[in-house]
């Protein structure tokens, strides 16, 4: 009996539709997950809760408690919310987040679970549980400037997240950078605001601080001359170009000591400046 059930577990599929990460600290986060369990065979059974290792590149980085599941021949929708994950290998966890940000597809694993099953007519079985999880990555997290409010000194960005991961970074600082020679970059603007990567297309309103010729910060505002005494005509000296590609770079978050301060730096997306954005200078 156990060998038959083991075969069914091995052949079953687990497809995640939502994985939301919030309440990030120095060594933990809260996770909410929604997923589908399919290909469990024609006869329904009950799989008890079980603790499994979260593994990336053969390195365990935490544990998660999977809820009790009643399988059905046509699939079962499962969800759990606000479970705290304690990170046991921060390097492996950050590597997963880096690859998630940049790759089109990646895989992590659930390992070392002990599944207790109850089948029809009082049958029971105990089997090992190991599962490969294939997910789409964010593919660089493409970004566009959607709108510019000169009077309020704000911009709204449009971003696209092709993955099922959502991550709440909280108050965040970004820079728009221009690549220079020998790997050097010049900061064109700094942007601040709450940042939450959502599934699909989402909008991010941010306060913008333009950087003057001497590198000082000027809170963007309307008017012909900014606080540094630079008129719009002088922005040509900055070399800003609506046809040139710049980069949207994560710098840090407002959560002191949290791992998000490192994870946000993985975001480095090409961005084109619009004429309305350039008019902020």
C-alpha atoms as a PDB file:
ATOM      1  CA  UNK A   1       0.000   0.000   0.000  1.00  0.00           C
ATOM      2  CA  UNK A   2       2.725   2.461   0.975  1.00  0.00           C
ATOM      3  CA  UNK A   3       4.582   1.916  -2.302  1.00  0.00           C
ATOM      4  CA  UNK A   4       1.422   2.618  -4.326  1.00  0.00           C
ATOM      5  CA  UNK A   5       0.750   5.820  -2.378  1.00  0.00           C
ATOM      6  CA  UNK A   6       4.393   6.845  -2.709  1.00  0.00           C
ATOM      7  CA  UNK A   7       4.072   6.531  -6.485  1.00  0.00           C
ATOM      8  CA  UNK A   8       0.938   8.704  -6.469  1.00  0.00           C
ATOM      9  CA  UNK A   9       2.650  11.354  -4.340  1.00  0.00           C
ATOM     10  CA  UNK A  10       5.660  11.381  -6.628  1.00  0.00           C
ATOM     11  CA  UNK A  11       3.443  11.868  -9.685  1.00  0.00           C
ATOM     12  CA  UNK A  12       1.218  14.540  -8.117  1.00  0.00           C
ATOM     13  CA  UNK A  13       1.586  18.158  -9.187  1.00  0.00           C
ATOM     14  CA  UNK A  14       1.738  21.268  -7.029  1.00  0.00           C
ATOM     15  CA  UNK A  15       1.112  24.499  -8.942  1.00  0.00           C
ATOM     16  CA  UNK A  16       1.480  27.738  -6.973  1.00  0.00           C
ATOM     17  CA  UNK A  17      -0.766  30.622  -8.062  1.00  0.00           C
ATOM     18  CA  UNK A  18       0.193  33.116  -5.331  1.00  0.00           C
ATOM     19  CA  UNK A  19       3.151  33.442  -2.984  1.00  0.00           C
ATOM     20  CA  UNK A  20       3.007  36.687  -0.975  1.00  0.00           C
ATOM     21  CA  UNK A  21       5.854  37.756   1.332  1.00  0.00           C
ATOM     22  CA  UNK A  22       5.327  40.402   4.032  1.00  0.00           C
ATOM     23  CA  UNK A  23       6.538  41.445   7.505  1.00  0.00           C
ATOM     24  CA  UNK A  24      10.202  41.017   6.594  1.00  0.00           C
ATOM     25  CA  UNK A  25      12.779  41.178   9.410  1.00  0.00           C
ATOM     26  CA  UNK A  26      16.488  40.464   9.747  1.00  0.00           C
ATOM     27  CA  UNK A  27      15.938  36.694   9.632  1.00  0.00           C
ATOM     28  CA  UNK A  28      12.275  35.956   8.888  1.00  0.00           C
ATOM     29  CA  UNK A  29       9.190  36.803   6.849  1.00  0.00           C
ATOM     30  CA  UNK A  30       5.494  35.980   6.738  1.00  0.00           C
ATOM     31  CA  UNK A  31       4.240  33.981   3.797  1.00  0.00           C
ATOM     32  CA  UNK A  32       0.789  33.481   2.279  1.00  0.00           C
ATOM     33  CA  UNK A  33       0.384  30.821  -0.411  1.00  0.00           C
ATOM     34  CA  UNK A  34      -2.377  29.640  -2.730  1.00  0.00           C
ATOM     35  CA  UNK A  35      -1.846  26.547  -4.869  1.00  0.00           C
ATOM     36  CA  UNK A  36      -3.463  23.672  -6.743  1.00  0.00           C
ATOM     37  CA  UNK A  37      -2.750  19.993  -6.069  1.00  0.00           C
ATOM     38  CA  UNK A  38      -3.547  17.776  -9.065  1.00  0.00           C
ATOM     39  CA  UNK A  39      -2.767  14.334 -10.539  1.00  0.00           C
ATOM     40  CA  UNK A  40      -3.362  12.580  -7.203  1.00  0.00           C
ATOM     41  CA  UNK A  41      -5.252   9.644  -8.715  1.00  0.00           C
ATOM     42  CA  UNK A  42      -8.926   8.718  -9.108  1.00  0.00           C
ATOM     43  CA  UNK A  43      -9.593   8.039  -5.409  1.00  0.00           C
ATOM     44  CA  UNK A  44      -9.645  10.874  -2.886  1.00  0.00           C
ATOM     45  CA  UNK A  45      -7.597  10.807   0.296  1.00  0.00           C
ATOM     46  CA  UNK A  46      -6.608  13.071   3.181  1.00  0.00           C
ATOM     47  CA  UNK A  47      -2.987  14.158   3.619  1.00  0.00           C
ATOM     48  CA  UNK A  48      -2.198  15.445   7.115  1.00  0.00           C
ATOM     49  CA  UNK A  49      -0.231  18.591   7.839  1.00  0.00           C
ATOM     50  CA  UNK A  50       3.501  18.168   7.431  1.00  0.00           C
ATOM     51  CA  UNK A  51       6.674  20.156   7.924  1.00  0.00           C
ATOM     52  CA  UNK A  52       8.989  20.336   4.900  1.00  0.00           C
ATOM     53  CA  UNK A  53      12.335  21.942   4.137  1.00  0.00           C
ATOM     54  CA  UNK A  54      12.495  24.821   1.659  1.00  0.00           C
ATOM     55  CA  UNK A  55      15.512  24.176  -0.553  1.00  0.00           C
ATOM     56  CA  UNK A  56      17.231  26.147  -3.313  1.00  0.00           C
ATOM     57  CA  UNK A  57      20.287  24.871  -5.196  1.00  0.00           C
ATOM     58  CA  UNK A  58      20.507  21.952  -2.739  1.00  0.00           C
ATOM     59  CA  UNK A  59      20.681  24.328   0.237  1.00  0.00           C
ATOM     60  CA  UNK A  60      17.850  24.351   2.827  1.00  0.00           C
ATOM     61  CA  UNK A  61      16.969  27.909   3.847  1.00  0.00           C
ATOM     62  CA  UNK A  62      13.870  27.408   6.020  1.00  0.00           C
ATOM     63  CA  UNK A  63      10.884  25.240   6.851  1.00  0.00           C
ATOM     64  CA  UNK A  64       7.199  25.572   5.998  1.00  0.00           C
ATOM     65  CA  UNK A  65       4.149  23.793   7.441  1.00  0.00           C
ATOM     66  CA  UNK A  66       1.898  22.492   4.673  1.00  0.00           C
ATOM     67  CA  UNK A  67      -1.787  22.333   5.651  1.00  0.00           C
ATOM     68  CA  UNK A  68      -4.071  19.320   5.683  1.00  0.00           C
ATOM     69  CA  UNK A  69      -5.283  18.515   2.173  1.00  0.00           C
ATOM     70  CA  UNK A  70      -8.245  16.485   0.972  1.00  0.00           C
ATOM     71  CA  UNK A  71      -7.358  15.366  -2.534  1.00  0.00           C
ATOM     72  CA  UNK A  72      -9.909  15.001  -5.345  1.00  0.00           C
ATOM     73  CA  UNK A  73      -9.631  13.415  -8.757  1.00  0.00           C
ATOM     74  CA  UNK A  74     -10.171  16.809 -10.417  1.00  0.00           C
ATOM     75  CA  UNK A  75      -7.697  18.698  -8.219  1.00  0.00           C
ATOM     76  CA  UNK A  76      -7.765  20.556  -4.914  1.00  0.00           C
ATOM     77  CA  UNK A  77      -7.298  24.246  -4.162  1.00  0.00           C
ATOM     78  CA  UNK A  78      -5.195  24.834  -1.056  1.00  0.00           C
ATOM     79  CA  UNK A  79      -4.251  28.013   0.789  1.00  0.00           C
ATOM     80  CA  UNK A  80      -2.610  29.182   3.978  1.00  0.00           C
ATOM     81  CA  UNK A  81      -1.879  32.695   5.174  1.00  0.00           C
ATOM     82  CA  UNK A  82       0.555  34.618   7.388  1.00  0.00           C
ATOM     83  CA  UNK A  83       2.854  31.750   8.303  1.00  0.00           C
ATOM     84  CA  UNK A  84       6.214  32.879   9.701  1.00  0.00           C
ATOM     85  CA  UNK A  85       9.287  31.463   7.957  1.00  0.00           C
ATOM     86  CA  UNK A  86      12.579  31.649   9.866  1.00  0.00           C
ATOM     87  CA  UNK A  87      15.480  31.890   7.432  1.00  0.00           C
ATOM     88  CA  UNK A  88      18.229  29.422   8.321  1.00  0.00           C
ATOM     89  CA  UNK A  89      20.529  30.141   5.362  1.00  0.00           C
ATOM     90  CA  UNK A  90      20.327  33.808   4.347  1.00  0.00           C
ATOM     91  CA  UNK A  91      22.795  33.387   1.489  1.00  0.00           C
ATOM     92  CA  UNK A  92      20.628  30.703  -0.161  1.00  0.00           C
ATOM     93  CA  UNK A  93      17.455  32.762   0.370  1.00  0.00           C
ATOM     94  CA  UNK A  94      18.998  35.886  -1.165  1.00  0.00           C
ATOM     95  CA  UNK A  95      20.300  33.837  -4.097  1.00  0.00           C
ATOM     96  CA  UNK A  96      16.763  32.606  -4.757  1.00  0.00           C
ATOM     97  CA  UNK A  97      15.455  36.191  -4.675  1.00  0.00           C
ATOM     98  CA  UNK A  98      18.217  37.368  -7.017  1.00  0.00           C
ATOM     99  CA  UNK A  99      17.469  34.614  -9.525  1.00  0.00           C
ATOM    100  CA  UNK A 100      13.736  35.199  -9.116  1.00  0.00           C
ATOM    101  CA  UNK A 101      14.217  38.871 -10.027  1.00  0.00           C
ATOM    102  CA  UNK A 102      16.294  38.251 -13.143  1.00  0.00           C
ATOM    103  CA  UNK A 103      15.400  34.846 -14.585  1.00  0.00           C
ATOM    104  CA  UNK A 104      12.435  33.789 -16.714  1.00  0.00           C
ATOM    105  CA  UNK A 105      11.982  30.490 -14.888  1.00  0.00           C
ATOM    106  CA  UNK A 106      13.525  28.763 -11.886  1.00  0.00           C
ATOM    107  CA  UNK A 107      12.992  25.833  -9.572  1.00  0.00           C
ATOM    108  CA  UNK A 108      13.151  25.310  -5.838  1.00  0.00           C
ATOM    109  CA  UNK A 109      12.238  22.231  -3.809  1.00  0.00           C
ATOM    110  CA  UNK A 110      10.166  20.979  -0.909  1.00  0.00           C
ATOM    111  CA  UNK A 111      12.185  18.271   0.804  1.00  0.00           C
ATOM    112  CA  UNK A 112      12.185  15.804   3.706  1.00  0.00           C
ATOM    113  CA  UNK A 113       8.441  15.799   4.376  1.00  0.00           C
ATOM    114  CA  UNK A 114       6.667  12.879   6.069  1.00  0.00           C
ATOM    115  CA  UNK A 115       3.194  12.459   4.553  1.00  0.00           C
ATOM    116  CA  UNK A 116       0.507  10.640   6.535  1.00  0.00           C
ATOM    117  CA  UNK A 117      -2.446   9.663   4.323  1.00  0.00           C
ATOM    118  CA  UNK A 118      -5.923   8.360   5.091  1.00  0.00           C
ATOM    119  CA  UNK A 119      -7.682   6.672   2.210  1.00  0.00           C
ATOM    120  CA  UNK A 120     -11.092   5.034   1.720  1.00  0.00           C
ATOM    121  CA  UNK A 121     -12.247   2.186   3.983  1.00  0.00           C
ATOM    122  CA  UNK A 122      -9.902   3.247   6.784  1.00  0.00           C
ATOM    123  CA  UNK A 123      -6.691   2.614   4.843  1.00  0.00           C
ATOM    124  CA  UNK A 124      -3.606   4.563   5.938  1.00  0.00           C
ATOM    125  CA  UNK A 125      -0.095   5.069   4.618  1.00  0.00           C
ATOM    126  CA  UNK A 126       3.080   6.947   5.486  1.00  0.00           C
ATOM    127  CA  UNK A 127       5.430   8.154   2.771  1.00  0.00           C
ATOM    128  CA  UNK A 128       8.262  10.561   2.173  1.00  0.00           C
ATOM    129  CA  UNK A 129       7.353  13.841   0.472  1.00  0.00           C
ATOM    130  CA  UNK A 130       9.706  15.656  -1.905  1.00  0.00           C
ATOM    131  CA  UNK A 131       8.530  17.980  -4.637  1.00  0.00           C
ATOM    132  CA  UNK A 132      10.188  20.178  -7.261  1.00  0.00           C
ATOM    133  CA  UNK A 133       8.450  23.551  -7.643  1.00  0.00           C
ATOM    134  CA  UNK A 134       8.798  25.244 -11.028  1.00  0.00           C
ATOM    135  CA  UNK A 135       7.883  28.939 -11.089  1.00  0.00           C
ATOM    136  CA  UNK A 136       8.165  31.838 -13.490  1.00  0.00           C
ATOM    137  CA  UNK A 137      10.653  34.531 -12.553  1.00  0.00           C
ATOM    138  CA  UNK A 138      10.173  38.293 -12.743  1.00  0.00           C
ATOM    139  CA  UNK A 139      12.347  38.439 -15.867  1.00  0.00           C
ATOM    140  CA  UNK A 140      14.088  41.670 -14.855  1.00  0.00           C
ATOM    141  CA  UNK A 141      10.928  43.409 -13.606  1.00  0.00           C
ATOM    142  CA  UNK A 142      10.411  45.737 -16.616  1.00  0.00           C
ATOM    143  CA  UNK A 143       9.577  49.357 -15.735  1.00  0.00           C
ATOM    144  CA  UNK A 144       8.137  52.370 -17.569  1.00  0.00           C
ATOM    145  CA  UNK A 145       7.447  55.965 -16.496  1.00  0.00           C
ATOM    146  CA  UNK A 146       3.660  56.258 -16.672  1.00  0.00           C
ATOM    147  CA  UNK A 147       2.970  59.730 -15.311  1.00  0.00           C
ATOM    148  CA  UNK A 148       4.790  62.774 -13.928  1.00  0.00           C
ATOM    149  CA  UNK A 149       3.242  65.330 -11.556  1.00  0.00           C
ATOM    150  CA  UNK A 150       5.577  68.332 -11.626  1.00  0.00           C
ATOM    151  CA  UNK A 151       3.716  70.328  -8.989  1.00  0.00           C
ATOM    152  CA  UNK A 152       3.672  67.463  -6.478  1.00  0.00           C
ATOM    153  CA  UNK A 153       7.164  66.241  -7.395  1.00  0.00           C
ATOM    154  CA  UNK A 154       5.904  62.714  -7.968  1.00  0.00           C
ATOM    155  CA  UNK A 155       6.160  60.073 -10.663  1.00  0.00           C
ATOM    156  CA  UNK A 156       4.093  56.956 -11.242  1.00  0.00           C
ATOM    157  CA  UNK A 157       5.871  53.942 -12.661  1.00  0.00           C
ATOM    158  CA  UNK A 158       4.314  50.954 -14.395  1.00  0.00           C
ATOM    159  CA  UNK A 159       6.007  47.631 -13.685  1.00  0.00           C
ATOM    160  CA  UNK A 160       5.319  44.088 -14.824  1.00  0.00           C
ATOM    161  CA  UNK A 161       5.884  41.045 -12.638  1.00  0.00           C
ATOM    162  CA  UNK A 162       5.517  37.791 -14.569  1.00  0.00           C
ATOM    163  CA  UNK A 163       5.986  35.609 -11.462  1.00  0.00           C
ATOM    164  CA  UNK A 164       3.552  34.446  -8.769  1.00  0.00           C
ATOM    165  CA  UNK A 165       5.711  36.046  -6.063  1.00  0.00           C
ATOM    166  CA  UNK A 166       4.531  39.241  -4.375  1.00  0.00           C
ATOM    167  CA  UNK A 167       6.891  40.993  -1.965  1.00  0.00           C
ATOM    168  CA  UNK A 168       6.232  43.933   0.342  1.00  0.00           C
ATOM    169  CA  UNK A 169       9.464  45.928   0.711  1.00  0.00           C
ATOM    170  CA  UNK A 170       7.807  48.780   2.599  1.00  0.00           C
ATOM    171  CA  UNK A 171       9.356  52.293   2.366  1.00  0.00           C
ATOM    172  CA  UNK A 172      12.003  52.044  -0.330  1.00  0.00           C
ATOM    173  CA  UNK A 173      14.652  54.197  -2.035  1.00  0.00           C
ATOM    174  CA  UNK A 174      15.525  53.863  -5.718  1.00  0.00           C
ATOM    175  CA  UNK A 175      17.840  55.732  -8.043  1.00  0.00           C
ATOM    176  CA  UNK A 176      17.712  56.345 -11.761  1.00  0.00           C
ATOM    177  CA  UNK A 177      21.290  55.916 -12.923  1.00  0.00           C
ATOM    178  CA  UNK A 178      23.229  56.593 -16.093  1.00  0.00           C
ATOM    179  CA  UNK A 179      25.970  54.110 -16.922  1.00  0.00           C
ATOM    180  CA  UNK A 180      29.385  55.616 -17.489  1.00  0.00           C
ATOM    181  CA  UNK A 181      32.858  54.459 -18.387  1.00  0.00           C
ATOM    182  CA  UNK A 182      34.689  51.719 -16.491  1.00  0.00           C
ATOM    183  CA  UNK A 183      31.539  50.579 -14.704  1.00  0.00           C
ATOM    184  CA  UNK A 184      30.915  53.952 -13.087  1.00  0.00           C
ATOM    185  CA  UNK A 185      27.373  55.331 -12.909  1.00  0.00           C
ATOM    186  CA  UNK A 186      25.887  58.771 -12.389  1.00  0.00           C
ATOM    187  CA  UNK A 187      22.742  59.266 -10.315  1.00  0.00           C
ATOM    188  CA  UNK A 188      20.102  61.243 -12.230  1.00  0.00           C
ATOM    189  CA  UNK A 189      17.305  61.093  -9.641  1.00  0.00           C
ATOM    190  CA  UNK A 190      16.302  59.466  -6.372  1.00  0.00           C
ATOM    191  CA  UNK A 191      12.806  58.114  -5.834  1.00  0.00           C
ATOM    192  CA  UNK A 192      11.137  57.208  -2.541  1.00  0.00           C
ATOM    193  CA  UNK A 193       7.898  55.505  -1.546  1.00  0.00           C
ATOM    194  CA  UNK A 194       6.224  52.262  -0.532  1.00  0.00           C
ATOM    195  CA  UNK A 195       7.097  49.396  -2.857  1.00  0.00           C
ATOM    196  CA  UNK A 196       5.096  46.192  -3.188  1.00  0.00           C
ATOM    197  CA  UNK A 197       5.730  43.922  -6.168  1.00  0.00           C
ATOM    198  CA  UNK A 198       2.342  42.547  -7.217  1.00  0.00           C
ATOM    199  CA  UNK A 199       1.493  39.924  -9.794  1.00  0.00           C
ATOM    200  CA  UNK A 200       1.025  41.130 -13.334  1.00  0.00           C
ATOM    201  CA  UNK A 201       1.078  44.831 -14.177  1.00  0.00           C
ATOM    202  CA  UNK A 202       1.057  47.237 -11.247  1.00  0.00           C
ATOM    203  CA  UNK A 203       1.663  50.951 -10.630  1.00  0.00           C
ATOM    204  CA  UNK A 204       4.124  52.491  -8.167  1.00  0.00           C
ATOM    205  CA  UNK A 205       3.726  56.162  -7.079  1.00  0.00           C
ATOM    206  CA  UNK A 206       7.026  57.616  -5.851  1.00  0.00           C
ATOM    207  CA  UNK A 207       8.344  60.984  -4.730  1.00  0.00           C
ATOM    208  CA  UNK A 208      11.169  62.118  -6.982  1.00  0.00           C
ATOM    209  CA  UNK A 209      14.257  64.107  -6.074  1.00  0.00           C
ATOM    210  CA  UNK A 210      16.247  65.335  -9.064  1.00  0.00           C
ATOM    211  CA  UNK A 211      20.026  65.581  -8.815  1.00  0.00           C
ATOM    212  CA  UNK A 212      21.639  68.879  -9.838  1.00  0.00           C
ATOM    213  CA  UNK A 213      24.910  69.355 -11.675  1.00  0.00           C
ATOM    214  CA  UNK A 214      26.892  69.464  -8.439  1.00  0.00           C
ATOM    215  CA  UNK A 215      25.255  66.271  -7.171  1.00  0.00           C
ATOM    216  CA  UNK A 216      23.002  67.940  -4.613  1.00  0.00           C
ATOM    217  CA  UNK A 217      19.407  66.879  -4.182  1.00  0.00           C
ATOM    218  CA  UNK A 218      16.656  69.167  -5.449  1.00  0.00           C
ATOM    219  CA  UNK A 219      13.092  68.169  -4.519  1.00  0.00           C
ATOM    220  CA  UNK A 220      11.415  68.263  -7.927  1.00  0.00           C
ATOM    221  CA  UNK A 221       8.814  70.961  -8.374  1.00  0.00           C
ATOM    222  CA  UNK A 222       7.219  73.086 -11.059  1.00  0.00           C
ATOM    223  CA  UNK A 223       8.652  76.398 -12.177  1.00  0.00           C
ATOM    224  CA  UNK A 224      11.289  77.693 -14.526  1.00  0.00           C
ATOM    225  CA  UNK A 225      14.237  77.528 -12.122  1.00  0.00           C
ATOM    226  CA  UNK A 226      14.907  74.937  -9.420  1.00  0.00           C
ATOM    227  CA  UNK A 227      16.485  75.527  -6.001  1.00  0.00           C
ATOM    228  CA  UNK A 228      19.969  75.078  -7.445  1.00  0.00           C
ATOM    229  CA  UNK A 229      19.346  77.911  -9.920  1.00  0.00           C
ATOM    230  CA  UNK A 230      19.305  75.611 -12.956  1.00  0.00           C
ATOM    231  CA  UNK A 231      16.847  76.492 -15.705  1.00  0.00           C
ATOM    232  CA  UNK A 232      15.261  73.849 -17.955  1.00  0.00           C
ATOM    233  CA  UNK A 233      17.550  74.895 -20.778  1.00  0.00           C
ATOM    234  CA  UNK A 234      20.560  73.970 -18.685  1.00  0.00           C
ATOM    235  CA  UNK A 235      19.436  70.359 -18.395  1.00  0.00           C
ATOM    236  CA  UNK A 236      21.146  69.785 -21.713  1.00  0.00           C
ATOM    237  CA  UNK A 237      24.386  69.966 -19.738  1.00  0.00           C
ATOM    238  CA  UNK A 238      23.221  66.895 -17.833  1.00  0.00           C
ATOM    239  CA  UNK A 239      23.049  65.007 -21.093  1.00  0.00           C
ATOM    240  CA  UNK A 240      19.550  63.704 -20.409  1.00  0.00           C
ATOM    241  CA  UNK A 241      18.117  62.010 -23.468  1.00  0.00           C
ATOM    242  CA  UNK A 242      14.648  60.523 -23.977  1.00  0.00           C
ATOM    243  CA  UNK A 243      16.119  58.018 -26.442  1.00  0.00           C
ATOM    244  CA  UNK A 244      18.861  56.803 -24.116  1.00  0.00           C
ATOM    245  CA  UNK A 245      18.474  53.858 -21.732  1.00  0.00           C
ATOM    246  CA  UNK A 246      19.053  54.496 -18.022  1.00  0.00           C
ATOM    247  CA  UNK A 247      18.643  52.096 -15.111  1.00  0.00           C
ATOM    248  CA  UNK A 248      16.137  51.940 -12.269  1.00  0.00           C
ATOM    249  CA  UNK A 249      18.207  50.729  -9.319  1.00  0.00           C
ATOM    250  CA  UNK A 250      17.058  49.610  -5.871  1.00  0.00           C
ATOM    251  CA  UNK A 251      19.117  51.204  -3.071  1.00  0.00           C
ATOM    252  CA  UNK A 252      17.590  50.319   0.292  1.00  0.00           C
ATOM    253  CA  UNK A 253      14.469  50.078   2.431  1.00  0.00           C
ATOM    254  CA  UNK A 254      13.228  51.741   5.585  1.00  0.00           C
ATOM    255  CA  UNK A 255      13.349  48.485   7.547  1.00  0.00           C
ATOM    256  CA  UNK A 256      16.643  48.743   9.395  1.00  0.00           C
ATOM    257  CA  UNK A 257      18.487  45.431   9.534  1.00  0.00           C
ATOM    258  CA  UNK A 258      15.946  43.593   7.356  1.00  0.00           C
ATOM    259  CA  UNK A 259      17.110  41.342   4.520  1.00  0.00           C
ATOM    260  CA  UNK A 260      15.036  43.468   2.140  1.00  0.00           C
ATOM    261  CA  UNK A 261      17.861  46.034   2.212  1.00  0.00           C
ATOM    262  CA  UNK A 262      19.967  43.531   0.277  1.00  0.00           C
ATOM    263  CA  UNK A 263      17.153  42.055  -1.821  1.00  0.00           C
ATOM    264  CA  UNK A 264      16.040  45.448  -3.161  1.00  0.00           C
ATOM    265  CA  UNK A 265      19.474  45.921  -4.749  1.00  0.00           C
ATOM    266  CA  UNK A 266      18.763  42.998  -7.082  1.00  0.00           C
ATOM    267  CA  UNK A 267      16.310  45.269  -8.916  1.00  0.00           C
ATOM    268  CA  UNK A 268      18.158  46.968 -11.742  1.00  0.00           C
ATOM    269  CA  UNK A 269      15.853  47.476 -14.703  1.00  0.00           C
ATOM    270  CA  UNK A 270      16.369  49.454 -17.921  1.00  0.00           C
ATOM    271  CA  UNK A 271      14.216  52.577 -18.049  1.00  0.00           C
ATOM    272  CA  UNK A 272      13.613  55.280 -20.667  1.00  0.00           C
ATOM    273  CA  UNK A 273      13.155  58.872 -19.506  1.00  0.00           C
ATOM    274  CA  UNK A 274      10.091  60.610 -20.881  1.00  0.00           C
ATOM    275  CA  UNK A 275      10.102  64.243 -21.938  1.00  0.00           C
ATOM    276  CA  UNK A 276       7.799  65.037 -19.009  1.00  0.00           C
ATOM    277  CA  UNK A 277      10.303  63.472 -16.608  1.00  0.00           C
ATOM    278  CA  UNK A 278      13.200  65.438 -18.115  1.00  0.00           C
ATOM    279  CA  UNK A 279      11.123  68.622 -17.680  1.00  0.00           C
ATOM    280  CA  UNK A 280      11.489  68.219 -13.906  1.00  0.00           C
ATOM    281  CA  UNK A 281      15.042  69.587 -14.137  1.00  0.00           C
END
